[in-house]
Structures are given as C-alpha cells and as structure tokens.
Amino acid sequence: MAVHHGGKVGKAGKTLASKSSSSKAKSQAGKTLAKHKSEKH
C-alpha cells in the first residue's frame, strides 16, 4: 500500500503511525483513512 504524505490523509496516517497519539485521535484518523480508501482506491 502506498503511503500518502501531505493533506488530511497524510496527517491521519501519521497520527495512526505515531505512538504518542491519543486513542481518540487514532479512531478519528482511522475513520479518515478508511473513508479515503473506500472513495479513492
């Protein structure tokens, strides 16, 4: 899977990848990524 950088999706990916992110932020980021995936891929 390609890694996206920049924009909302890249930020969401970084949020998920970083261990310091809160679980609330992670669930938000997961939703963003999932939405992007279903729309764009």
PDB file of N, CA and C in Angstrom:
ATOM      1  N   MET A   1       0.828  -1.198   0.000  1.00  0.00           N
ATOM      2  CA  MET A   1       0.000   0.000   0.000  1.00  0.00           C
ATOM      3  C   MET A   1       0.865   1.250   0.000  1.00  0.00           C
ATOM      4  N   ALA A   2       0.491   2.191  -0.847  1.00  0.00           N
ATOM      5  CA  ALA A   2       1.261   3.423  -0.930  1.00  0.00           C
ATOM      6  C   ALA A   2       1.038   4.280   0.312  1.00  0.00           C
ATOM      7  N   VAL A   3       2.083   4.941   0.738  1.00  0.00           N
ATOM      8  CA  VAL A   3       1.961   5.840   1.874  1.00  0.00           C
ATOM      9  C   VAL A   3       1.708   7.245   1.365  1.00  0.00           C
ATOM     10  N   HIS A   4       0.663   7.860   1.868  1.00  0.00           N
ATOM     11  CA  HIS A   4       0.320   9.202   1.420  1.00  0.00           C
ATOM     12  C   HIS A   4       0.938  10.239   2.334  1.00  0.00           C
ATOM     13  N   HIS A   5       1.486  11.266   1.727  1.00  0.00           N
ATOM     14  CA  HIS A   5       2.054  12.359   2.515  1.00  0.00           C
ATOM     15  C   HIS A   5       1.357  13.647   2.146  1.00  0.00           C
ATOM     16  N   GLY A   6       1.137  14.466   3.138  1.00  0.00           N
ATOM     17  CA  GLY A   6       0.512  15.750   2.890  1.00  0.00           C
ATOM     18  C   GLY A   6      -0.991  15.660   2.918  1.00  0.00           C
ATOM     19  N   GLY A   7      -1.623  16.776   3.224  1.00  0.00           N
ATOM     20  CA  GLY A   7      -3.079  16.806   3.249  1.00  0.00           C
ATOM     21  C   GLY A   7      -3.648  16.060   4.440  1.00  0.00           C
ATOM     22  N   LYS A   8      -4.968  15.923   4.418  1.00  0.00           N
ATOM     23  CA  LYS A   8      -5.698  15.325   5.525  1.00  0.00           C
ATOM     24  C   LYS A   8      -5.337  13.857   5.714  1.00  0.00           C
ATOM     25  N   VAL A   9      -5.227  13.141   4.609  1.00  0.00           N
ATOM     26  CA  VAL A   9      -4.971  11.700   4.667  1.00  0.00           C
ATOM     27  C   VAL A   9      -3.567  11.403   5.180  1.00  0.00           C
ATOM     28  N   GLY A  10      -2.594  12.194   4.724  1.00  0.00           N
ATOM     29  CA  GLY A  10      -1.226  12.014   5.195  1.00  0.00           C
ATOM     30  C   GLY A  10      -1.128  12.263   6.679  1.00  0.00           C
ATOM     31  N   LYS A  11      -1.848  13.279   7.139  1.00  0.00           N
ATOM     32  CA  LYS A  11      -1.857  13.613   8.563  1.00  0.00           C
ATOM     33  C   LYS A  11      -2.492  12.482   9.372  1.00  0.00           C
ATOM     34  N   ALA A  12      -3.575  11.924   8.841  1.00  0.00           N
ATOM     35  CA  ALA A  12      -4.238  10.811   9.516  1.00  0.00           C
ATOM     36  C   ALA A  12      -3.306   9.610   9.605  1.00  0.00           C
ATOM     37  N   GLY A  13      -2.583   9.351   8.540  1.00  0.00           N
ATOM     38  CA  GLY A  13      -1.637   8.247   8.532  1.00  0.00           C
ATOM     39  C   GLY A  13      -0.553   8.429   9.578  1.00  0.00           C
ATOM     40  N   LYS A  14      -0.031   9.658   9.669  1.00  0.00           N
ATOM     41  CA  LYS A  14       0.996   9.949  10.671  1.00  0.00           C
ATOM     42  C   LYS A  14       0.445   9.798  12.082  1.00  0.00           C
ATOM     43  N   THR A  15      -0.801  10.210  12.271  1.00  0.00           N
ATOM     44  CA  THR A  15      -1.442  10.089  13.585  1.00  0.00           C
ATOM     45  C   THR A  15      -1.528   8.623  13.995  1.00  0.00           C
ATOM     46  N   LEU A  16      -1.930   7.775  13.051  1.00  0.00           N
ATOM     47  CA  LEU A  16      -2.036   6.346  13.349  1.00  0.00           C
ATOM     48  C   LEU A  16      -0.659   5.733  13.604  1.00  0.00           C
ATOM     49  N   ALA A  17       0.334   6.206  12.867  1.00  0.00           N
ATOM     50  CA  ALA A  17       1.663   5.614  12.972  1.00  0.00           C
ATOM     51  C   ALA A  17       2.368   6.017  14.263  1.00  0.00           C
ATOM     52  N   SER A  18       2.075   7.221  14.758  1.00  0.00           N
ATOM     53  CA  SER A  18       2.790   7.686  15.940  1.00  0.00           C
ATOM     54  C   SER A  18       2.214   7.088  17.214  1.00  0.00           C
ATOM     55  N   LYS A  19       3.121   6.667  18.083  1.00  0.00           N
ATOM     56  CA  LYS A  19       2.677   6.000  19.308  1.00  0.00           C
ATOM     57  C   LYS A  19       2.140   6.974  20.342  1.00  0.00           C
ATOM     58  N   SER A  20       2.475   8.257  20.166  1.00  0.00           N
ATOM     59  CA  SER A  20       2.094   9.246  21.172  1.00  0.00           C
ATOM     60  C   SER A  20       0.675   9.774  20.980  1.00  0.00           C
ATOM     61  N   SER A  21       0.052   9.419  19.854  1.00  0.00           N
ATOM     62  CA  SER A  21      -1.298   9.897  19.584  1.00  0.00           C
ATOM     63  C   SER A  21      -2.295   9.299  20.564  1.00  0.00           C
ATOM     64  N   SER A  22      -3.287  10.091  20.929  1.00  0.00           N
ATOM     65  CA  SER A  22      -4.319   9.585  21.829  1.00  0.00           C
ATOM     66  C   SER A  22      -5.233   8.627  21.073  1.00  0.00           C
ATOM     67  N   SER A  23      -5.932   7.768  21.793  1.00  0.00           N
ATOM     68  CA  SER A  23      -6.787   6.789  21.135  1.00  0.00           C
ATOM     69  C   SER A  23      -7.960   7.471  20.426  1.00  0.00           C
ATOM     70  N   LYS A  24      -8.387   8.603  20.953  1.00  0.00           N
ATOM     71  CA  LYS A  24      -9.465   9.347  20.302  1.00  0.00           C
ATOM     72  C   LYS A  24      -8.987   9.874  18.950  1.00  0.00           C
ATOM     73  N   ALA A  25      -7.789  10.409  18.945  1.00  0.00           N
ATOM     74  CA  ALA A  25      -7.208  10.905  17.702  1.00  0.00           C
ATOM     75  C   ALA A  25      -7.009   9.757  16.712  1.00  0.00           C
ATOM     76  N   LYS A  26      -6.624   8.611  17.240  1.00  0.00           N
ATOM     77  CA  LYS A  26      -6.401   7.453  16.378  1.00  0.00           C
ATOM     78  C   LYS A  26      -7.687   6.971  15.717  1.00  0.00           C
ATOM     79  N   SER A  27      -8.779   6.961  16.467  1.00  0.00           N
ATOM     80  CA  SER A  27     -10.030   6.495  15.891  1.00  0.00           C
ATOM     81  C   SER A  27     -10.518   7.479  14.832  1.00  0.00           C
ATOM     82  N   GLN A  28     -10.289   8.756  15.097  1.00  0.00           N
ATOM     83  CA  GLN A  28     -10.640   9.786  14.115  1.00  0.00           C
ATOM     84  C   GLN A  28      -9.813   9.598  12.843  1.00  0.00           C
ATOM     85  N   ALA A  29      -8.521   9.391  13.020  1.00  0.00           N
ATOM     86  CA  ALA A  29      -7.619   9.202  11.892  1.00  0.00           C
ATOM     87  C   ALA A  29      -7.979   7.934  11.120  1.00  0.00           C
ATOM     88  N   GLY A  30      -8.341   6.887  11.856  1.00  0.00           N
ATOM     89  CA  GLY A  30      -8.732   5.635  11.212  1.00  0.00           C
ATOM     90  C   GLY A  30      -9.953   5.827  10.330  1.00  0.00           C
ATOM     91  N   LYS A  31     -10.908   6.590  10.827  1.00  0.00           N
ATOM     92  CA  LYS A  31     -12.110   6.869  10.035  1.00  0.00           C
ATOM     93  C   LYS A  31     -11.757   7.636   8.779  1.00  0.00           C
ATOM     94  N   THR A  32     -10.883   8.635   8.919  1.00  0.00           N
ATOM     95  CA  THR A  32     -10.457   9.438   7.780  1.00  0.00           C
ATOM     96  C   THR A  32      -9.790   8.573   6.724  1.00  0.00           C
ATOM     97  N   LEU A  33      -8.889   7.702   7.169  1.00  0.00           N
ATOM     98  CA  LEU A  33      -8.193   6.828   6.235  1.00  0.00           C
ATOM     99  C   LEU A  33      -9.139   5.838   5.566  1.00  0.00           C
ATOM    100  N   ALA A  34     -10.043   5.278   6.337  1.00  0.00           N
ATOM    101  CA  ALA A  34     -10.981   4.298   5.791  1.00  0.00           C
ATOM    102  C   ALA A  34     -11.886   4.949   4.758  1.00  0.00           C
ATOM    103  N   LYS A  35     -12.336   6.143   5.049  1.00  0.00           N
ATOM    104  CA  LYS A  35     -13.200   6.886   4.137  1.00  0.00           C
ATOM    105  C   LYS A  35     -12.450   7.174   2.834  1.00  0.00           C
ATOM    106  N   HIS A  36     -11.222   7.622   2.981  1.00  0.00           N
ATOM    107  CA  HIS A  36     -10.392   7.920   1.818  1.00  0.00           C
ATOM    108  C   HIS A  36     -10.165   6.669   0.977  1.00  0.00           C
ATOM    109  N   LYS A  37      -9.889   5.578   1.643  1.00  0.00           N
ATOM    110  CA  LYS A  37      -9.613   4.320   0.967  1.00  0.00           C
ATOM    111  C   LYS A  37     -10.814   3.872   0.147  1.00  0.00           C
ATOM    112  N   SER A  38     -12.013   3.957   0.747  1.00  0.00           N
ATOM    113  CA  SER A  38     -13.201   3.484   0.044  1.00  0.00           C
ATOM    114  C   SER A  38     -13.558   4.416  -1.115  1.00  0.00           C
ATOM    115  N   GLU A  39     -13.200   5.694  -0.983  1.00  0.00           N
ATOM    116  CA  GLU A  39     -13.524   6.624  -2.066  1.00  0.00           C
ATOM    117  C   GLU A  39     -12.511   6.602  -3.193  1.00  0.00           C
ATOM    118  N   LYS A  40     -11.216   6.527  -2.838  1.00  0.00           N
ATOM    119  CA  LYS A  40     -10.170   6.757  -3.828  1.00  0.00           C
ATOM    120  C   LYS A  40      -9.509   5.497  -4.368  1.00  0.00           C
ATOM    121  N   HIS A  41      -9.664   4.365  -3.666  1.00  0.00           N
ATOM    122  CA  HIS A  41      -8.928   3.176  -4.104  1.00  0.00           C
ATOM    123  C   HIS A  41      -9.864   2.051  -4.515  1.00  0.00           C
TER     124      HIS A  41
END
